[in-house]
Each structure stands twice: as C-alpha cells, then as structure tokens.
Protein backbone atom coordinates (compact mmCIF):
# COMPACT_ATOMS: atom_id res chain seq x y z
CA UNK A 1 -12.63 -20.26 18.58
CA UNK A 2 -10.47 -18.84 15.43
CA UNK A 3 -7.96 -16.25 16.77
CA UNK A 4 -5.54 -14.56 14.68
CA UNK A 5 -1.85 -14.11 15.12
CA UNK A 6 -1.91 -11.08 17.17
CA UNK A 7 -4.60 -12.72 19.35
CA UNK A 8 -2.50 -15.83 19.94
CA UNK A 9 1.04 -13.72 21.05
CA UNK A 10 -1.31 -11.78 23.48
CA UNK A 11 -2.40 -15.71 24.98
CA UNK A 12 1.09 -16.77 25.41
CA UNK A 13 2.07 -13.06 26.83
CA UNK A 14 -0.29 -13.94 29.10
CA UNK A 15 -2.19 -10.71 28.28
CA UNK A 16 -5.83 -12.35 27.57
CA UNK A 17 -8.06 -12.48 30.63
CA UNK A 18 -10.30 -14.93 29.37
CA UNK A 19 -10.23 -17.50 31.90
CA UNK A 20 -10.09 -20.14 29.42
CA UNK A 21 -6.29 -18.85 28.67
CA UNK A 22 -4.89 -16.95 31.18
CA UNK A 23 -1.94 -18.47 33.58
CA UNK A 24 -2.18 -21.10 30.98
CA UNK A 25 0.04 -20.88 28.15
CA UNK A 26 2.36 -18.54 29.40
CA UNK A 27 5.64 -18.82 26.75
CA UNK A 28 7.13 -15.64 25.54
CA UNK A 29 8.96 -16.94 22.87
CA UNK A 30 5.89 -18.29 20.95
CA UNK A 31 4.10 -14.84 21.83
CA UNK A 32 7.25 -13.05 20.17
CA UNK A 33 7.03 -15.70 17.31
CA UNK A 34 3.16 -15.08 16.73
CA UNK A 35 3.78 -11.05 16.49
CA UNK A 36 6.13 -11.54 13.76
CA UNK A 37 3.81 -13.74 11.91
CA UNK A 38 1.25 -11.23 12.69
CA UNK A 39 3.37 -8.51 11.06
CA UNK A 40 4.26 -10.51 8.33
CA UNK A 41 0.55 -11.23 7.24
CA UNK A 42 -0.62 -7.49 7.69
CA UNK A 43 2.20 -6.40 5.34
CA UNK A 44 1.21 -8.85 2.92
CA UNK A 45 -2.20 -7.47 2.80
CA UNK A 46 -1.18 -3.66 2.71
CA UNK A 47 1.67 -3.35 0.08
CA UNK A 48 0.58 -2.57 -3.18
CA UNK A 49 1.99 -3.22 -6.68
CA UNK A 50 5.58 -2.99 -7.14
CA UNK A 51 5.89 -3.02 -3.28
CA UNK A 52 4.54 -6.80 -2.72
CA UNK A 53 6.23 -7.86 -5.58
CA UNK A 54 9.90 -8.93 -6.45
CA UNK A 55 12.15 -10.31 -9.45
CA UNK A 56 14.17 -13.43 -8.37
CA UNK A 57 15.86 -15.24 -11.48
CA UNK A 58 13.64 -13.09 -13.88
CA UNK A 59 10.81 -14.51 -12.40
CA UNK A 60 8.14 -12.11 -10.54
CA UNK A 61 7.29 -13.33 -7.09
CA UNK A 62 5.55 -12.20 -4.30
CA UNK A 63 7.80 -10.91 -0.99
CA UNK A 64 7.58 -13.59 1.92
CA UNK A 65 10.48 -12.87 4.35
CA UNK A 66 10.04 -10.60 6.96
CA UNK A 67 12.86 -8.39 6.21
CA UNK A 68 11.96 -7.83 2.56
CA UNK A 69 8.36 -7.21 3.27
CA UNK A 70 9.73 -4.48 5.71
CA UNK A 71 11.94 -2.90 3.08
CA UNK A 72 9.07 -2.63 0.91
CA UNK A 73 6.94 -1.09 3.38
CA UNK A 74 9.67 1.42 4.11
CA UNK A 75 9.84 2.41 0.71
CA UNK A 76 6.30 2.47 -0.03
CA UNK A 77 5.28 4.85 2.88
CA UNK A 78 8.09 6.95 1.92
CA UNK A 79 6.15 7.40 -1.68
CA UNK A 80 3.19 7.97 0.01
CA UNK A 81 4.29 10.96 1.78
CA UNK A 82 3.87 9.03 5.74
CA UNK A 83 6.17 9.25 8.60
CA UNK A 84 7.73 6.00 9.84
CA UNK A 85 9.11 7.73 13.12
CA UNK A 86 6.44 5.48 15.19
CA UNK A 87 8.19 2.42 13.75
CA UNK A 88 11.60 3.22 14.14
CA UNK A 89 12.19 0.23 16.76
CA UNK A 90 11.99 -2.14 14.28
CA UNK A 91 15.42 -2.51 13.51
CA UNK A 92 16.50 -3.70 17.58
CA UNK A 93 12.69 -5.56 17.29
CA UNK A 94 13.77 -7.49 13.98
CA UNK A 95 17.09 -8.90 16.02
CA UNK A 96 15.29 -10.06 19.00
CA UNK A 97 11.20 -10.32 19.42
CA UNK A 98 10.72 -11.02 15.92
CA UNK A 99 13.94 -13.02 15.10
CA UNK A 100 13.16 -16.59 16.11
CA UNK A 101 16.62 -17.65 16.34
CA UNK A 102 17.42 -15.11 19.06
CA UNK A 103 14.63 -17.02 20.84
CA UNK A 104 16.97 -20.28 21.15
CA UNK A 105 19.77 -18.33 23.03
CA UNK A 106 19.40 -18.83 26.23
CA UNK A 107 21.87 -16.24 27.46
CA UNK A 108 19.25 -13.61 25.40
CA UNK A 109 15.78 -14.20 27.14
CA UNK A 110 12.98 -12.43 26.08
CA UNK A 111 11.80 -10.21 28.99
CA UNK A 112 8.27 -8.65 29.72
CA UNK A 113 9.29 -5.30 29.06
CA UNK A 114 11.10 -5.94 25.56
CA UNK A 115 7.75 -7.84 24.54
CA UNK A 116 5.19 -5.00 25.94
CA UNK A 117 7.08 -2.59 23.72
CA UNK A 118 6.93 -5.24 20.80
CA UNK A 119 3.08 -5.43 21.57
CA UNK A 120 2.70 -1.75 21.22
CA UNK A 121 5.04 -1.71 17.88
CA UNK A 122 2.45 -3.98 16.20
CA UNK A 123 -0.57 -2.20 17.36
CA UNK A 124 0.92 0.92 15.92
CA UNK A 125 1.27 -1.14 12.61
CA UNK A 126 -2.27 -2.62 12.93
CA UNK A 127 -3.64 0.69 13.08
CA UNK A 128 -2.71 2.00 9.26
CA UNK A 129 -5.54 1.27 7.49
CA UNK A 130 -6.39 0.60 3.49
CA UNK A 131 -9.12 1.30 1.72
CA UNK A 132 -10.11 0.56 -1.95
CA UNK A 133 -10.49 3.88 -3.95
CA UNK A 134 -10.46 2.10 -7.45
CA UNK A 135 -10.07 -1.23 -8.76
CA UNK A 136 -8.06 -2.46 -11.17
CA UNK A 137 -9.62 -1.83 -14.86
CA UNK A 138 -11.95 1.09 -13.38
CA UNK A 139 -12.53 3.15 -16.46
CA UNK A 140 -11.75 7.19 -16.16
CA UNK A 141 -11.46 9.76 -18.91
CA UNK A 142 -9.21 12.86 -19.69
CA UNK A 143 -10.84 15.81 -21.72
CA UNK A 144 -8.53 17.71 -23.65
CA UNK A 145 -8.96 20.57 -26.05
CA UNK A 146 -8.15 20.08 -29.62
CA UNK A 147 -8.78 22.96 -31.31
CA UNK A 148 -11.88 23.64 -31.30
CA UNK A 149 -13.11 19.90 -30.15
CA UNK A 150 -12.52 18.32 -27.44
CA UNK A 151 -10.50 14.93 -27.52
CA UNK A 152 -11.65 12.34 -24.31
CA UNK A 153 -8.60 9.83 -23.28
CA UNK A 154 -10.18 6.61 -22.23
CA UNK A 155 -8.14 5.51 -19.06
CA UNK A 156 -7.71 1.88 -17.14
CA UNK A 157 -6.47 1.34 -13.62
CA UNK A 158 -3.92 -1.54 -14.42
CA UNK A 159 -4.08 -2.20 -10.65
CA UNK A 160 -6.03 -1.56 -7.52
CA UNK A 161 -6.05 1.72 -6.37
CA UNK A 162 -6.33 2.28 -2.48
CA UNK A 163 -6.58 5.13 0.11
CA UNK A 164 -4.52 5.25 2.99
CA UNK A 165 -4.69 6.53 6.77
CA UNK A 166 -2.09 7.15 9.45
CA UNK A 167 -3.37 8.84 12.58
CA UNK A 168 -6.26 10.35 10.36
CA UNK A 169 -3.91 11.54 7.73
CA UNK A 170 -5.04 10.44 4.39
CA UNK A 171 -2.90 9.14 1.16
CA UNK A 172 -3.41 7.56 -2.08
CA UNK A 173 -1.55 5.83 -4.40
CA UNK A 174 -3.14 7.09 -7.12
CA UNK A 175 -0.40 9.10 -8.29
CA UNK A 176 2.21 6.10 -8.08
CA UNK A 177 0.16 3.31 -9.58
CA UNK A 178 -0.06 2.27 -13.09
CA UNK A 179 -2.55 3.13 -15.56
CA UNK A 180 -3.00 2.52 -19.85
CA UNK A 181 -4.83 4.06 -22.42
CA UNK A 182 -5.01 2.38 -26.20
CA UNK A 183 -8.49 5.08 -27.17
CA UNK A 184 -9.40 8.34 -27.41
CA UNK A 185 -13.00 9.64 -28.58
CA UNK A 186 -13.26 13.06 -30.51
CA UNK A 187 -16.56 14.50 -32.14
CA UNK A 188 -18.57 11.12 -31.77
CA UNK A 189 -15.77 8.99 -33.37
CA UNK A 190 -13.56 6.54 -31.47
CA UNK A 191 -9.59 6.09 -32.28
CA UNK A 192 -7.52 3.46 -31.32
CA UNK A 193 -3.51 3.76 -30.93
CA UNK A 194 -0.87 1.92 -29.42
CA UNK A 195 -1.05 0.76 -25.49
CA UNK A 196 0.30 3.44 -23.60
CA UNK A 197 1.00 2.73 -20.17
CA UNK A 198 2.47 4.49 -16.79
CA UNK A 199 1.16 7.20 -14.22
CA UNK A 200 -1.38 9.64 -14.92
CA UNK A 201 1.14 12.35 -15.27
CA UNK A 202 2.93 10.40 -17.89
CA UNK A 203 -0.33 9.54 -19.85
CA UNK A 204 -1.21 13.25 -19.48
CA UNK A 205 1.87 14.33 -20.79
CA UNK A 206 1.81 11.94 -23.77
CA UNK A 207 -1.84 12.85 -24.54
CA UNK A 208 -0.88 16.64 -24.44
CA UNK A 209 2.33 16.12 -26.56
CA UNK A 210 0.44 14.04 -29.23
CA UNK A 211 -2.17 17.26 -29.44
CA UNK A 212 0.02 20.13 -29.44
CA UNK A 213 3.61 18.75 -29.24
CA UNK A 214 4.06 20.34 -25.07
CA UNK A 215 6.39 18.50 -23.38
CA UNK A 216 6.03 17.65 -19.48
CA UNK A 217 2.38 19.56 -19.54
CA UNK A 218 1.47 17.98 -16.18
CA UNK A 219 4.21 19.52 -14.16
CA UNK A 220 2.75 22.05 -11.85
CA UNK A 221 -0.98 20.68 -12.63
CA UNK A 222 -2.91 18.77 -10.13
CA UNK A 223 -3.63 15.37 -11.76
CA UNK A 224 -6.74 14.67 -9.49
CA UNK A 225 -8.48 17.09 -11.05
CA UNK A 226 -7.90 16.11 -14.54
CA UNK A 227 -8.94 12.70 -14.66
CA UNK A 228 -12.76 12.10 -13.84
CA UNK A 229 -14.59 8.61 -13.13
CA UNK A 230 -17.92 7.57 -15.59
CA UNK A 231 -19.92 9.88 -13.48
CA UNK A 232 -18.00 13.10 -13.85
CA UNK A 233 -16.53 13.01 -10.23
CA UNK A 234 -12.89 14.22 -10.38
CA UNK A 235 -10.15 11.69 -8.50
CA UNK A 236 -10.13 14.41 -5.79
CA UNK A 237 -13.54 14.38 -4.84
CA UNK A 238 -13.32 10.58 -4.67
CA UNK A 239 -10.71 10.98 -2.16
CA UNK A 240 -12.10 13.81 -0.24
CA UNK A 241 -15.56 11.67 0.05
CA UNK A 242 -13.46 8.78 1.90
C-alpha cells in the first residue's frame, strides 16, 4: 500500500501493529529520517506566499531545507497570532532525531523515549489545519462614499488566502496577503488607473486618500467588514462560516 512519511516512520519504530510490519523493520535512525521528511513535506504545503519563497542569487525559489522551512514557519505562526509553545522542542530534536548526521554517530544512539517525543512533536504539527478561503484572483469590492455617489473599487487576490486552525483557534492570512486593484466603478462608469498592490489595509488607505486626501484611514477599522465578495458577503462573514 502507499504510505506517507509518517506512516513509514511508525513502521521503522515498530509502532505499527499490522502483522505485515510488526517486529520486521525496527530501525530508529530510519524512523527519525522519515519523521524529518514528514515535517518538511507538511511545511511545504502549510506555508504561504512570502514564507514559502526565498531570494537566492537574485532569483526567487522555494525553501526546501528543514532549517529554513522551520524558520519561516515560526515567522508565519507569529504573524498569524498563533502560539509556538507546543513546538518548543524543535531546537533539540533538530540536532538529534531530525538530524541525519547524528544517526551516524554511534556515541549518540537514538533511544525509544527520544523517538516517542519526536512522534508526539510531529503529531502536534500534523494536527494544524489549513483550508482555502479565497482562491487567487477572487474578486472583491470596496465601496466608498464620494460626495453623493458611491465609488466601488474592484479588488483581486494576488495569491491564495487560507484559514488556519490550531486547537480550535482560527486565523487567516487575509490581512497579511497581497491584493491588487486597477479599476473602480462610479455612477455606472468604469475608470482604470495604474495597478496598485498591497494588503487590504494599504489598498483601503490609497482609495480613501484618492477621494478625500485622508491619510492612514484604515487605522482602527476592521478591514474584514469593509471588503465584500461578488455576492455581497463580507470577508468576516466568510471566515465565520468556516
């Protein structure tokens, strides 16, 4: 059968009770390597946008190594407002169980208790969930009053927007992600302008400034209530429905 990295780690740690595997593949070092691969695979799918990418030699590329993936994971979790307390053992585990080079050192064998800690760590990580909220290029609009008329700015998502959950707590990257706008509609007429990019707050500030000259108009406002989808639902209501 097709097995993922975590399931393979269970086999080599003799944690799988299936008779076709039990007591046949005991190898703690191999189990540790599969746990490492499981983390890397998870993080590559969990990170979004700028946290998944890096610039090397003036070229943008994906992060691949566990160390750099974890560094971005910590930054993303902090930006989303999640706690990293559950994953405080990473520093130690990255030097032992998750470090392939340490497995070659006969003076530092991997003991079952250490491996049990590593399995618990990975289970906590895999329990984090990510769900698509808005696909890239989803159309939103922002309505602003301009004298006696309403000016509707057409906004598009520049990347996929996700809902993240940790132990029942929900967070989204919607206020961190990039959007763009290059058109508004007022009194039935469409008006194009130079493409503007940024977060929802930045686009809101630019739109308000173009109408009234007010600066930093987004301060103190909930951007999730200001933007709506084509059905008229606010971003806040979309988040609450998940």
